[in-house]
Protein backbone atom coordinates (compact mmCIF):
# COMPACT_ATOMS: atom_id res chain seq x y z
CA THR A 1 -117.64 80.75 -46.68
CA GLY A 2 -120.60 81.49 -44.74
CA VAL A 3 -119.71 78.42 -42.39
CA GLY A 4 -116.19 79.78 -42.00
CA ARG A 5 -117.76 83.35 -40.92
CA ASP A 6 -120.22 82.17 -38.73
CA ILE A 7 -117.19 79.93 -36.99
CA THR A 8 -114.91 82.88 -36.58
CA GLU A 9 -117.91 85.12 -35.42
CA ARG A 10 -118.97 82.30 -32.56
CA LYS A 11 -115.45 82.09 -31.49
CA LYS A 12 -115.69 85.61 -31.12
CA VAL A 13 -118.57 85.88 -28.94
CA GLU A 14 -117.04 82.93 -26.78
CA GLU A 15 -114.05 84.87 -26.43
CA MET A 16 -115.63 88.03 -25.80
CA LEU A 17 -117.80 86.22 -23.22
CA ALA A 18 -114.83 84.74 -21.56
CA SER A 19 -112.88 88.08 -21.24
CA GLU A 20 -115.97 89.95 -19.67
CA THR A 21 -116.07 86.90 -17.54
CA ARG A 22 -112.14 87.87 -16.50
CA VAL A 23 -112.97 91.59 -15.93
CA LEU A 24 -116.02 90.77 -13.76
CA GLU A 25 -114.37 88.37 -11.54
CA MET A 26 -111.56 91.34 -11.25
CA MET A 27 -113.94 93.86 -9.90
CA GLY A 28 -115.53 91.20 -7.32
CA SER A 29 -112.11 90.66 -5.78
CA ASP A 30 -111.53 94.41 -5.69
CA ALA A 31 -108.65 94.68 -8.16
CA PRO A 32 -107.31 98.27 -8.80
CA LEU A 33 -109.07 100.25 -11.10
CA PRO A 34 -106.08 100.41 -13.14
CA ALA A 35 -105.47 96.43 -13.61
CA VAL A 36 -109.12 96.16 -14.49
CA LEU A 37 -109.04 98.66 -17.07
CA ALA A 38 -105.82 97.35 -18.59
CA GLU A 39 -107.89 93.86 -18.82
CA ILE A 40 -110.68 95.91 -20.54
CA CYS A 41 -108.45 97.21 -23.52
CA LEU A 42 -106.84 93.88 -23.79
CA MET A 43 -109.87 92.19 -24.13
CA ILE A 44 -110.52 94.28 -27.20
CA GLU A 45 -107.39 94.09 -28.76
CA GLY A 46 -107.46 90.43 -28.68
CA LEU A 47 -111.04 90.55 -30.64
CA SER A 48 -109.59 93.32 -33.06
CA SER A 49 -106.77 93.07 -35.43
CA GLY A 50 -104.10 95.72 -35.28
CA ALA A 51 -105.96 97.36 -32.44
CA LEU A 52 -104.24 99.45 -29.58
CA CYS A 53 -106.86 100.80 -26.80
CA SER A 54 -106.72 103.26 -24.14
CA VAL A 55 -109.01 104.35 -21.25
CA LEU A 56 -108.62 107.82 -19.97
CA LEU A 57 -110.22 109.40 -17.19
CA LEU A 58 -112.19 112.34 -16.66
CA ASP A 59 -109.92 114.74 -14.29
CA ASP A 60 -111.28 116.24 -10.91
CA ASP A 61 -111.59 119.82 -12.79
CA GLU A 62 -113.45 118.25 -15.44
CA SER A 63 -111.83 119.68 -18.60
CA HIS A 64 -109.32 117.10 -18.78
CA LEU A 65 -108.50 113.67 -19.38
CA ARG A 66 -105.89 111.83 -17.72
CA TYR A 67 -104.65 108.29 -18.15
CA GLY A 68 -106.36 105.46 -16.94
CA ALA A 69 -105.25 102.43 -19.17
CA GLY A 70 -103.38 101.91 -22.39
CA SER A 71 -99.92 99.83 -21.85
CA SER A 72 -99.85 98.79 -25.83
CA LEU A 73 -99.66 102.16 -26.68
CA PRO A 74 -95.86 103.98 -26.66
CA GLU A 75 -95.27 105.00 -23.12
CA SER A 76 -93.84 108.81 -24.59
CA TYR A 77 -97.28 109.04 -26.86
CA VAL A 78 -99.08 107.88 -23.13
CA ARG A 79 -97.58 110.91 -21.88
CA ALA A 80 -97.86 113.53 -24.32
CA LEU A 81 -101.54 112.96 -24.44
CA ASP A 82 -102.10 112.87 -20.49
CA GLY A 83 -104.30 115.44 -19.25
CA ILE A 84 -105.46 116.60 -22.57
CA ALA A 85 -108.21 119.21 -23.04
CA ILE A 86 -111.54 118.51 -23.27
CA GLY A 87 -112.78 120.38 -26.44
CA PRO A 88 -114.50 120.68 -29.84
CA ALA A 89 -111.16 119.98 -31.93
CA CYS A 90 -108.70 117.86 -29.40
CA GLY A 91 -108.37 114.84 -31.23
CA SER A 92 -110.65 111.26 -31.11
CA CYS A 93 -110.80 111.93 -27.11
CA GLY A 94 -110.84 115.52 -26.05
CA THR A 95 -113.80 115.67 -29.02
CA ALA A 96 -115.59 112.61 -28.24
CA ALA A 97 -115.83 114.03 -24.17
CA PHE A 98 -116.77 117.27 -25.61
CA THR A 99 -119.56 116.05 -27.68
CA GLY A 100 -120.62 112.98 -25.78
CA ARG A 101 -120.78 111.07 -29.01
CA GLN A 102 -118.31 108.63 -30.71
CA VAL A 103 -115.87 110.18 -32.81
CA VAL A 104 -114.20 107.93 -35.81
CA VAL A 105 -111.62 109.43 -37.35
CA GLU A 106 -110.20 107.44 -40.05
CA ASP A 107 -107.02 109.08 -40.91
CA ILE A 108 -105.18 111.56 -38.10
CA ALA A 109 -103.10 112.85 -41.22
CA SER A 110 -105.98 114.77 -42.56
CA HIS A 111 -108.69 114.96 -40.28
CA PRO A 112 -108.87 118.74 -38.29
CA PHE A 113 -109.83 117.37 -35.24
CA TRP A 114 -106.02 116.25 -34.85
CA SER A 115 -104.51 119.30 -36.05
CA ASP A 116 -102.72 120.40 -32.68
CA PHE A 117 -101.70 116.42 -31.71
CA ARG A 118 -101.11 115.47 -35.70
CA GLU A 119 -97.22 115.22 -35.35
CA VAL A 120 -97.21 113.31 -32.06
CA ALA A 121 -99.33 110.92 -33.10
CA LEU A 122 -97.58 110.52 -36.83
CA ALA A 123 -94.52 110.36 -34.94
CA HIS A 124 -95.57 107.14 -32.74
CA GLY A 125 -97.08 105.51 -36.07
CA LEU A 126 -100.81 105.92 -35.30
CA ARG A 127 -102.89 106.88 -37.87
CA ALA A 128 -106.58 106.18 -37.23
CA CYS A 129 -108.56 106.40 -33.47
CA TRP A 130 -112.00 106.21 -33.08
CA SER A 131 -113.17 107.21 -29.14
CA THR A 132 -116.45 106.48 -27.51
CA PRO A 133 -117.32 108.78 -24.35
CA ILE A 134 -117.70 106.33 -21.03
CA ILE A 135 -121.08 107.77 -19.55
CA SER A 136 -122.65 106.73 -16.24
CA ALA A 137 -126.25 105.36 -15.67
CA ALA A 138 -126.80 108.89 -14.75
CA GLY A 139 -125.67 110.54 -17.55
CA LYS A 140 -122.46 111.64 -16.50
CA LEU A 141 -119.24 111.64 -18.29
CA LEU A 142 -116.32 109.27 -16.90
CA GLY A 143 -113.93 109.00 -19.46
CA THR A 144 -112.91 107.84 -22.76
CA PHE A 145 -112.55 104.25 -24.14
CA ALA A 146 -110.51 104.79 -27.57
CA ILE A 147 -109.26 102.43 -30.57
CA TYR A 148 -105.95 103.26 -32.41
CA ASN A 149 -104.83 101.95 -35.50
CA GLN A 150 -101.31 101.95 -37.04
CA THR A 151 -103.08 102.53 -41.11
CA PRO A 152 -105.90 104.79 -41.91
CA ARG A 153 -108.93 102.62 -40.88
CA GLN A 154 -112.70 102.59 -40.80
CA ALA A 155 -114.74 101.62 -38.02
CA THR A 156 -116.63 98.31 -38.89
CA ASP A 157 -117.66 95.34 -36.99
CA GLU A 158 -116.13 97.10 -33.60
CA ALA A 159 -118.89 98.97 -32.82
CA PRO A 160 -120.92 96.34 -30.82
CA MET A 161 -117.32 95.37 -29.18
CA VAL A 162 -116.94 99.15 -28.04
CA ALA A 163 -120.14 99.49 -26.60
CA ARG A 164 -119.68 96.51 -24.44
CA ALA A 165 -116.22 97.67 -23.41
CA SER A 166 -117.19 101.14 -22.51
CA HIS A 167 -119.90 99.26 -20.40
CA LEU A 168 -117.49 97.49 -18.48
CA ALA A 169 -115.24 100.38 -18.15
CA CYS A 170 -118.12 102.18 -16.50
CA LEU A 171 -118.95 99.44 -14.06
CA ALA A 172 -115.27 99.33 -13.45
CA ILE A 173 -114.98 103.44 -12.67
CA GLU A 174 -117.99 103.68 -10.90
CA ARG A 175 -117.75 100.68 -8.43
CA LYS A 176 -114.29 102.34 -7.56
CA ARG A 177 -115.85 106.23 -6.83
CA THR A 178 -118.63 104.91 -4.94
CA GLU A 179 -116.15 102.77 -2.74
CA SER A 180 -113.82 105.84 -2.30
CA VAL A 181 -116.93 107.86 -1.84
CA LEU A 182 -118.00 105.45 1.31
CA ARG A 183 -114.38 105.24 2.49
CA LEU A 184 -114.56 108.90 3.31
CA THR A 185 -117.97 108.91 4.40
CA GLN A 186 -116.92 106.29 6.96
CA PHE A 187 -114.03 108.28 7.83
CA GLY A 188 -116.22 111.32 8.58
CA ILE A 189 -119.11 109.06 10.54
CA GLU A 190 -116.18 107.52 12.70
CA ARG A 191 -114.88 111.43 13.75
CA ALA A 192 -118.12 112.72 14.52
CA GLY A 193 -118.59 113.46 18.23
CA ASP A 194 -122.28 112.54 18.36
CA MET A 195 -124.14 108.97 17.81
CA VAL A 196 -124.20 108.25 14.41
CA PHE A 197 -126.54 105.20 13.20
CA TRP A 198 -126.98 104.42 9.08
CA ILE A 199 -129.72 102.44 8.63
CA ASP A 200 -130.83 101.36 4.71
CA GLU A 201 -134.87 101.60 3.65
CA ALA A 202 -135.37 98.08 5.13
CA ALA A 203 -134.60 99.67 8.54
CA ARG A 204 -131.64 97.43 8.62
CA LEU A 205 -128.41 98.86 10.68
CA LEU A 206 -125.74 99.10 8.43
CA LEU A 207 -123.47 101.53 10.44
CA VAL A 208 -122.37 102.92 13.73
CA ASN A 209 -119.69 104.85 15.04
CA GLU A 210 -117.54 104.78 18.13
CA ALA A 211 -119.73 107.31 19.79
CA ALA A 212 -122.58 105.00 19.47
CA CYS A 213 -120.72 102.34 20.65
CA GLU A 214 -119.77 104.23 23.88
CA ARG A 215 -123.04 106.08 24.63
CA THR A 216 -125.39 102.75 23.96
CA GLY A 217 -122.55 100.41 25.98
CA TYR A 218 -123.04 97.70 23.18
CA SER A 219 -119.87 97.00 21.00
CA ARG A 220 -119.89 97.40 17.18
CA ASP A 221 -120.76 93.73 16.32
CA GLU A 222 -123.61 93.81 18.81
CA LEU A 223 -125.17 96.47 17.31
CA LEU A 224 -124.88 95.10 13.68
CA GLN A 225 -125.79 92.00 14.32
């Protein structure tokens, strides 16, 4: 009935919000990126019957995709596709990364995008896969979020959930990359022989190096207070 559908949809929304809260709390507590991405996959799997999710991350060479999360998929399948090339007919994920658009493959057994990977997918019982590129706020490709199914299947009401999952994955990936850049920047600043003072737009001193402390005669805490 209509009432029953409304209750089911409301429950799904509540579960989605609760899952999103867990993911954001993990990010706030500085959880490892693989753990955060795995939680995002579990979030969608719990809301979409039969779904098996994965996140692939853009490799440093920007031409391949590497495993990010997807523990529900067979391990041997994950290993087989780790490092998949980005291209116009490289499965759902490689093609989504290449085009920058969602790729929906309703039946892997007959779709041309899967011609080079069909055997390995079918051998692991995977029949459908729709993949969404994960794009940063600056428009840069970060990876892909994919939903697999073990039967031929159309993408129906999963679209809003996948969009939210991709957004959460984007936040998690960008957060970790920013932290990595900051750590490298701090390392370089600390090794610099000259005094370095890092000041924000509000003229607040954010970071100083050891050379600045030695030459001013103040401790790091005194300079940054």
